[in-house]
Amino acid sequence: MDEKSAKHILCIEDEPEMIDLIRLILGRRGFDVTGATGGIAGLKAVRELLPDLVLLDLMMPDMDGWEVYQQMKADETTRHIPVIVVTAKAQSIDKVLGLHVAKVDDYIAKPFSPQDLLNSVEKVLAQKKIGS
């Protein structure tokens, strides 16, 4: 797979182990995964890399996922980038309702299976292709 066809995914997550896991799962399918530890680093990486897709954890200590998401959508250069929100199963239903209000592209709950992650990523990237 050449550089151009590999989809670049940015994983914004405060747990390095989770970034490694996601890189392992998606790397096997030929995705190019970059990790950013925390919201502030993540937002900076989004602006520098302009990835094809962002996997965004909501619960991060420095800047939460909602803040990152809102700043991405407020910026002309990053608002088109699809976002899959990753939430902990224990989080309340209003987070999920917020997703619909915020129009995020998809969400997956931790712990997720590798197949859940792949299905979500492939679905969102396919929608992006149709929409572009």
N, C-alpha and C. Protein backbone atom coordinates (compact mmCIF):
# COMPACT_ATOMS: atom_id res chain seq x y z
N MET A 1 0.86 -1.19 0.00
CA MET A 1 0.00 0.00 0.00
C MET A 1 0.90 1.24 0.00
N ASP A 2 0.76 2.12 -0.97
CA ASP A 2 1.63 3.29 -1.01
C ASP A 2 1.16 4.37 -0.04
N GLU A 3 2.01 5.37 0.14
CA GLU A 3 1.73 6.45 1.10
C GLU A 3 0.38 7.10 0.87
N LYS A 4 0.05 7.32 -0.39
CA LYS A 4 -1.17 8.07 -0.71
C LYS A 4 -2.44 7.31 -0.32
N SER A 5 -2.43 5.99 -0.49
CA SER A 5 -3.66 5.24 -0.24
C SER A 5 -3.85 4.86 1.23
N ALA A 6 -2.78 4.93 2.02
CA ALA A 6 -2.92 4.61 3.44
C ALA A 6 -3.67 5.75 4.13
N LYS A 7 -4.77 5.42 4.78
CA LYS A 7 -5.54 6.43 5.50
C LYS A 7 -4.84 6.77 6.80
N HIS A 8 -4.73 8.06 7.06
CA HIS A 8 -4.04 8.51 8.26
C HIS A 8 -5.06 8.76 9.38
N ILE A 9 -4.89 8.05 10.47
CA ILE A 9 -5.80 8.19 11.60
C ILE A 9 -5.03 8.74 12.79
N LEU A 10 -5.60 9.77 13.40
CA LEU A 10 -5.00 10.34 14.60
C LEU A 10 -5.82 9.87 15.80
N CYS A 11 -5.14 9.28 16.76
CA CYS A 11 -5.79 8.78 17.97
C CYS A 11 -5.43 9.71 19.12
N ILE A 12 -6.41 10.44 19.64
CA ILE A 12 -6.19 11.36 20.75
C ILE A 12 -6.71 10.69 22.02
N GLU A 13 -5.79 10.36 22.89
CA GLU A 13 -6.10 9.46 24.01
C GLU A 13 -5.07 9.71 25.10
N ASP A 14 -5.48 9.74 26.35
CA ASP A 14 -4.50 10.01 27.41
C ASP A 14 -3.78 8.77 27.91
N GLU A 15 -4.16 7.59 27.43
CA GLU A 15 -3.49 6.36 27.86
C GLU A 15 -2.64 5.81 26.72
N PRO A 16 -1.32 5.87 26.85
CA PRO A 16 -0.44 5.37 25.79
C PRO A 16 -0.73 3.91 25.41
N GLU A 17 -1.15 3.08 26.40
CA GLU A 17 -1.43 1.66 26.10
C GLU A 17 -2.60 1.56 25.12
N MET A 18 -3.59 2.45 25.28
CA MET A 18 -4.75 2.42 24.39
C MET A 18 -4.34 2.84 22.98
N ILE A 19 -3.47 3.85 22.88
CA ILE A 19 -2.97 4.26 21.57
C ILE A 19 -2.25 3.09 20.90
N ASP A 20 -1.41 2.38 21.68
CA ASP A 20 -0.68 1.23 21.13
C ASP A 20 -1.63 0.15 20.65
N LEU A 21 -2.67 -0.11 21.42
CA LEU A 21 -3.66 -1.12 21.05
C LEU A 21 -4.36 -0.73 19.74
N ILE A 22 -4.79 0.51 19.65
CA ILE A 22 -5.48 0.99 18.45
C ILE A 22 -4.54 0.94 17.24
N ARG A 23 -3.28 1.32 17.46
CA ARG A 23 -2.29 1.28 16.37
C ARG A 23 -2.11 -0.16 15.89
N LEU A 24 -2.08 -1.10 16.82
CA LEU A 24 -1.93 -2.51 16.49
C LEU A 24 -3.11 -3.01 15.66
N ILE A 25 -4.33 -2.71 16.13
CA ILE A 25 -5.54 -3.18 15.46
C ILE A 25 -5.64 -2.57 14.05
N LEU A 26 -5.50 -1.26 13.96
CA LEU A 26 -5.71 -0.59 12.68
C LEU A 26 -4.51 -0.74 11.75
N GLY A 27 -3.31 -0.85 12.34
CA GLY A 27 -2.11 -1.03 11.53
C GLY A 27 -2.16 -2.31 10.71
N ARG A 28 -2.76 -3.34 11.27
CA ARG A 28 -2.90 -4.61 10.56
C ARG A 28 -3.74 -4.48 9.30
N ARG A 29 -4.62 -3.50 9.29
CA ARG A 29 -5.47 -3.27 8.12
C ARG A 29 -4.90 -2.21 7.19
N GLY A 30 -3.65 -1.82 7.46
CA GLY A 30 -3.00 -0.88 6.55
C GLY A 30 -3.24 0.59 6.86
N PHE A 31 -3.84 0.87 8.01
CA PHE A 31 -4.03 2.27 8.39
C PHE A 31 -2.75 2.80 9.03
N ASP A 32 -2.50 4.07 8.81
CA ASP A 32 -1.35 4.74 9.40
C ASP A 32 -1.87 5.48 10.63
N VAL A 33 -1.46 5.04 11.82
CA VAL A 33 -2.00 5.60 13.05
C VAL A 33 -0.95 6.43 13.79
N THR A 34 -1.32 7.67 14.10
CA THR A 34 -0.47 8.53 14.92
C THR A 34 -1.20 8.73 16.25
N GLY A 35 -0.46 8.68 17.33
CA GLY A 35 -1.06 8.89 18.64
C GLY A 35 -0.70 10.26 19.18
N ALA A 36 -1.64 10.86 19.88
CA ALA A 36 -1.37 12.11 20.60
C ALA A 36 -1.87 11.91 22.02
N THR A 37 -1.01 12.15 22.98
CA THR A 37 -1.37 11.90 24.37
C THR A 37 -1.99 13.15 24.98
N GLY A 38 -3.31 13.14 25.08
CA GLY A 38 -4.02 14.26 25.70
C GLY A 38 -4.60 15.22 24.67
N GLY A 39 -5.54 16.02 25.16
CA GLY A 39 -6.30 16.91 24.29
C GLY A 39 -5.50 18.04 23.67
N ILE A 40 -4.60 18.65 24.43
CA ILE A 40 -3.84 19.79 23.92
C ILE A 40 -2.89 19.32 22.80
N ALA A 41 -2.17 18.23 23.06
CA ALA A 41 -1.29 17.65 22.04
C ALA A 41 -2.11 17.18 20.84
N GLY A 42 -3.29 16.65 21.13
CA GLY A 42 -4.16 16.14 20.07
C GLY A 42 -4.62 17.23 19.13
N LEU A 43 -5.04 18.34 19.69
CA LEU A 43 -5.52 19.46 18.88
C LEU A 43 -4.38 20.01 18.00
N LYS A 44 -3.21 20.08 18.58
CA LYS A 44 -2.04 20.54 17.82
C LYS A 44 -1.75 19.57 16.67
N ALA A 45 -1.82 18.27 16.96
CA ALA A 45 -1.56 17.25 15.94
C ALA A 45 -2.60 17.29 14.83
N VAL A 46 -3.87 17.53 15.18
CA VAL A 46 -4.92 17.63 14.17
C VAL A 46 -4.57 18.74 13.18
N ARG A 47 -4.16 19.88 13.71
CA ARG A 47 -3.86 21.04 12.86
C ARG A 47 -2.62 20.82 12.01
N GLU A 48 -1.65 20.07 12.54
CA GLU A 48 -0.42 19.83 11.79
C GLU A 48 -0.57 18.72 10.76
N LEU A 49 -1.25 17.66 11.13
CA LEU A 49 -1.32 16.47 10.27
C LEU A 49 -2.51 16.46 9.32
N LEU A 50 -3.59 17.14 9.69
CA LEU A 50 -4.85 17.06 8.93
C LEU A 50 -5.17 15.61 8.55
N PRO A 51 -5.41 14.76 9.57
CA PRO A 51 -5.63 13.33 9.31
C PRO A 51 -6.95 13.07 8.58
N ASP A 52 -7.11 11.84 8.08
CA ASP A 52 -8.36 11.45 7.41
C ASP A 52 -9.47 11.21 8.42
N LEU A 53 -9.08 10.91 9.65
CA LEU A 53 -10.04 10.55 10.68
C LEU A 53 -9.40 10.77 12.05
N VAL A 54 -10.23 11.18 13.03
CA VAL A 54 -9.74 11.33 14.39
C VAL A 54 -10.52 10.40 15.31
N LEU A 55 -9.80 9.63 16.10
CA LEU A 55 -10.39 8.84 17.19
C LEU A 55 -10.15 9.66 18.45
N LEU A 56 -11.23 10.04 19.10
CA LEU A 56 -11.12 11.01 20.18
C LEU A 56 -11.69 10.48 21.48
N ASP A 57 -10.83 10.38 22.48
CA ASP A 57 -11.27 9.98 23.82
C ASP A 57 -11.92 11.19 24.48
N LEU A 58 -13.01 10.99 25.20
CA LEU A 58 -13.67 12.12 25.84
C LEU A 58 -13.02 12.51 27.16
N MET A 59 -12.60 11.50 27.93
CA MET A 59 -12.12 11.77 29.28
C MET A 59 -10.60 11.91 29.28
N MET A 60 -10.13 13.14 29.26
CA MET A 60 -8.69 13.39 29.33
C MET A 60 -8.45 14.50 30.33
N PRO A 61 -7.36 14.42 31.08
CA PRO A 61 -7.15 15.38 32.17
C PRO A 61 -6.86 16.82 31.73
N ASP A 62 -6.12 17.00 30.63
CA ASP A 62 -5.71 18.36 30.30
C ASP A 62 -6.77 19.16 29.55
N MET A 63 -7.39 18.54 28.57
CA MET A 63 -8.46 19.18 27.81
C MET A 63 -9.38 18.06 27.38
N ASP A 64 -10.66 18.13 27.73
CA ASP A 64 -11.50 16.97 27.43
C ASP A 64 -11.85 16.92 25.94
N GLY A 65 -12.34 15.74 25.55
CA GLY A 65 -12.64 15.48 24.14
C GLY A 65 -13.63 16.45 23.54
N TRP A 66 -14.61 16.89 24.34
CA TRP A 66 -15.60 17.83 23.80
C TRP A 66 -14.95 19.14 23.39
N GLU A 67 -14.01 19.59 24.21
CA GLU A 67 -13.30 20.84 23.91
C GLU A 67 -12.50 20.71 22.62
N VAL A 68 -11.81 19.56 22.48
CA VAL A 68 -11.04 19.30 21.26
C VAL A 68 -11.98 19.29 20.06
N TYR A 69 -13.11 18.59 20.21
CA TYR A 69 -14.08 18.48 19.12
C TYR A 69 -14.61 19.86 18.71
N GLN A 70 -14.99 20.65 19.69
CA GLN A 70 -15.54 21.97 19.38
C GLN A 70 -14.51 22.86 18.70
N GLN A 71 -13.27 22.79 19.14
CA GLN A 71 -12.23 23.59 18.50
C GLN A 71 -11.95 23.12 17.08
N MET A 72 -12.00 21.79 16.87
CA MET A 72 -11.82 21.26 15.51
C MET A 72 -12.93 21.78 14.59
N LYS A 73 -14.17 21.74 15.08
CA LYS A 73 -15.31 22.12 14.24
C LYS A 73 -15.38 23.63 14.02
N ALA A 74 -14.75 24.39 14.91
CA ALA A 74 -14.76 25.85 14.78
C ALA A 74 -13.68 26.32 13.79
N ASP A 75 -12.78 25.42 13.43
CA ASP A 75 -11.65 25.79 12.56
C ASP A 75 -11.92 25.33 11.13
N GLU A 76 -11.88 26.27 10.21
CA GLU A 76 -12.14 26.02 8.79
C GLU A 76 -11.29 24.86 8.25
N THR A 77 -10.03 24.77 8.67
CA THR A 77 -9.13 23.77 8.10
C THR A 77 -9.34 22.37 8.66
N THR A 78 -10.02 22.25 9.81
CA THR A 78 -10.17 20.93 10.43
C THR A 78 -11.62 20.48 10.56
N ARG A 79 -12.58 21.33 10.24
CA ARG A 79 -13.98 20.97 10.52
C ARG A 79 -14.50 19.82 9.66
N HIS A 80 -13.87 19.57 8.53
CA HIS A 80 -14.33 18.48 7.64
C HIS A 80 -13.84 17.10 8.09
N ILE A 81 -12.92 17.06 9.04
CA ILE A 81 -12.32 15.78 9.44
C ILE A 81 -13.32 14.99 10.30
N PRO A 82 -13.64 13.77 9.88
CA PRO A 82 -14.59 12.98 10.67
C PRO A 82 -14.00 12.59 12.03
N VAL A 83 -14.89 12.49 13.02
CA VAL A 83 -14.47 12.18 14.39
C VAL A 83 -15.27 10.99 14.91
N ILE A 84 -14.55 10.01 15.43
CA ILE A 84 -15.20 8.91 16.16
C ILE A 84 -14.83 9.11 17.62
N VAL A 85 -15.84 9.25 18.44
CA VAL A 85 -15.62 9.46 19.87
C VAL A 85 -15.52 8.10 20.56
N VAL A 86 -14.54 8.00 21.44
CA VAL A 86 -14.34 6.77 22.23
C VAL A 86 -14.70 7.10 23.67
N THR A 87 -15.70 6.42 24.19
CA THR A 87 -16.14 6.70 25.56
C THR A 87 -16.03 5.45 26.41
N ALA A 88 -15.90 5.65 27.70
CA ALA A 88 -15.92 4.51 28.63
C ALA A 88 -17.37 4.08 28.80
N LYS A 89 -17.60 2.80 28.86
CA LYS A 89 -18.95 2.26 28.98
C LYS A 89 -19.70 2.88 30.16
N ALA A 90 -18.95 3.18 31.22
CA ALA A 90 -19.59 3.66 32.44
C ALA A 90 -20.15 5.08 32.31
N GLN A 91 -19.77 5.79 31.26
CA GLN A 91 -20.24 7.17 31.15
C GLN A 91 -21.74 7.22 30.91
N SER A 92 -22.30 8.33 31.34
CA SER A 92 -23.75 8.43 31.34
C SER A 92 -24.34 8.63 29.96
N ILE A 93 -25.61 8.39 29.86
CA ILE A 93 -26.34 8.46 28.60
C ILE A 93 -26.31 9.86 28.01
N ASP A 94 -26.19 10.90 28.84
CA ASP A 94 -26.18 12.24 28.26
C ASP A 94 -24.95 12.49 27.40
N LYS A 95 -23.87 11.77 27.66
CA LYS A 95 -22.71 11.86 26.77
C LYS A 95 -23.13 11.37 25.38
N VAL A 96 -23.81 10.25 25.37
CA VAL A 96 -24.23 9.66 24.10
C VAL A 96 -25.25 10.57 23.40
N LEU A 97 -26.16 11.14 24.17
CA LEU A 97 -27.11 12.09 23.59
C LEU A 97 -26.38 13.31 23.03
N GLY A 98 -25.36 13.73 23.75
CA GLY A 98 -24.55 14.85 23.28
C GLY A 98 -23.92 14.57 21.93
N LEU A 99 -23.58 13.30 21.69
CA LEU A 99 -22.98 12.93 20.43
C LEU A 99 -23.92 13.23 19.28
N HIS A 100 -25.20 12.95 19.49
CA HIS A 100 -26.17 13.19 18.42
C HIS A 100 -26.34 14.68 18.19
N VAL A 101 -26.36 15.43 19.26
CA VAL A 101 -26.49 16.87 19.16
C VAL A 101 -25.26 17.46 18.48
N ALA A 102 -24.09 16.96 18.85
CA ALA A 102 -22.84 17.49 18.32
C ALA A 102 -22.55 16.99 16.90
N LYS A 103 -23.29 16.01 16.44
CA LYS A 103 -23.11 15.46 15.09
C LYS A 103 -21.74 14.80 14.89
N VAL A 104 -21.26 14.10 15.92
CA VAL A 104 -20.02 13.35 15.70
C VAL A 104 -20.35 12.22 14.73
N ASP A 105 -19.34 11.71 14.05
CA ASP A 105 -19.59 10.73 13.00
C ASP A 105 -19.96 9.35 13.55
N ASP A 106 -19.39 9.01 14.69
CA ASP A 106 -19.71 7.72 15.30
C ASP A 106 -19.12 7.71 16.69
N TYR A 107 -19.46 6.71 17.46
CA TYR A 107 -18.79 6.54 18.75
C TYR A 107 -18.68 5.07 19.07
N ILE A 108 -17.67 4.73 19.82
CA ILE A 108 -17.51 3.38 20.31
C ILE A 108 -17.23 3.45 21.81
N ALA A 109 -17.69 2.46 22.51
CA ALA A 109 -17.53 2.43 23.96
C ALA A 109 -16.39 1.49 24.33
N LYS A 110 -15.59 1.90 25.30
CA LYS A 110 -14.55 1.01 25.85
C LYS A 110 -15.19 0.14 26.91
N PRO A 111 -14.80 -1.07 27.08
CA PRO A 111 -13.85 -1.77 26.21
C PRO A 111 -14.51 -2.18 24.90
N PHE A 112 -13.81 -2.02 23.79
CA PHE A 112 -14.38 -2.41 22.49
C PHE A 112 -13.58 -3.57 21.92
N SER A 113 -14.20 -4.28 21.01
CA SER A 113 -13.47 -5.37 20.35
C SER A 113 -12.75 -4.79 19.14
N PRO A 114 -11.68 -5.44 18.70
CA PRO A 114 -11.00 -4.97 17.50
C PRO A 114 -11.96 -4.82 16.32
N GLN A 115 -12.93 -5.74 16.22
CA GLN A 115 -13.88 -5.68 15.11
C GLN A 115 -14.78 -4.45 15.21
N ASP A 116 -15.20 -4.09 16.42
CA ASP A 116 -16.02 -2.87 16.60
C ASP A 116 -15.27 -1.65 16.09
N LEU A 117 -13.99 -1.58 16.46
CA LEU A 117 -13.17 -0.45 16.06
C LEU A 117 -13.03 -0.39 14.54
N LEU A 118 -12.69 -1.52 13.94
CA LEU A 118 -12.54 -1.57 12.48
C LEU A 118 -13.83 -1.23 11.77
N ASN A 119 -14.94 -1.79 12.25
CA ASN A 119 -16.23 -1.51 11.61
C ASN A 119 -16.53 -0.02 11.63
N SER A 120 -16.31 0.61 12.76
CA SER A 120 -16.61 2.02 12.92
C SER A 120 -15.72 2.86 11.99
N VAL A 121 -14.43 2.59 12.01
CA VAL A 121 -13.47 3.34 11.18
C VAL A 121 -13.82 3.19 9.70
N GLU A 122 -14.07 1.95 9.28
CA GLU A 122 -14.35 1.72 7.86
C GLU A 122 -15.67 2.35 7.44
N LYS A 123 -16.65 2.30 8.33
CA LYS A 123 -17.96 2.92 8.03
C LYS A 123 -17.83 4.43 7.86
N VAL A 124 -17.14 5.07 8.80
CA VAL A 124 -17.01 6.53 8.76
C VAL A 124 -16.18 6.97 7.55
N LEU A 125 -15.10 6.25 7.25
CA LEU A 125 -14.28 6.63 6.09
C LEU A 125 -15.05 6.42 4.79
N ALA A 126 -15.90 5.39 4.73
CA ALA A 126 -16.72 5.16 3.54
C ALA A 126 -17.74 6.29 3.37
N GLN A 127 -18.32 6.76 4.48
CA GLN A 127 -19.28 7.87 4.42
C GLN A 127 -18.60 9.14 3.95
N LYS A 128 -17.35 9.33 4.41
CA LYS A 128 -16.60 10.52 4.04
C LYS A 128 -16.37 10.54 2.53
N LYS A 129 -16.06 9.36 1.99
CA LYS A 129 -15.79 9.25 0.57
C LYS A 129 -17.03 9.62 -0.24
N ILE A 130 -18.18 9.14 0.22
CA ILE A 130 -19.47 9.43 -0.45
C ILE A 130 -19.76 10.93 -0.37
N GLY A 131 -19.50 11.50 0.79
CA GLY A 131 -19.83 12.90 1.03
C GLY A 131 -18.89 13.89 0.37
N SER A 132 -17.69 13.42 -0.03
CA SER A 132 -16.71 14.41 -0.51
C SER A 132 -16.87 14.71 -2.00
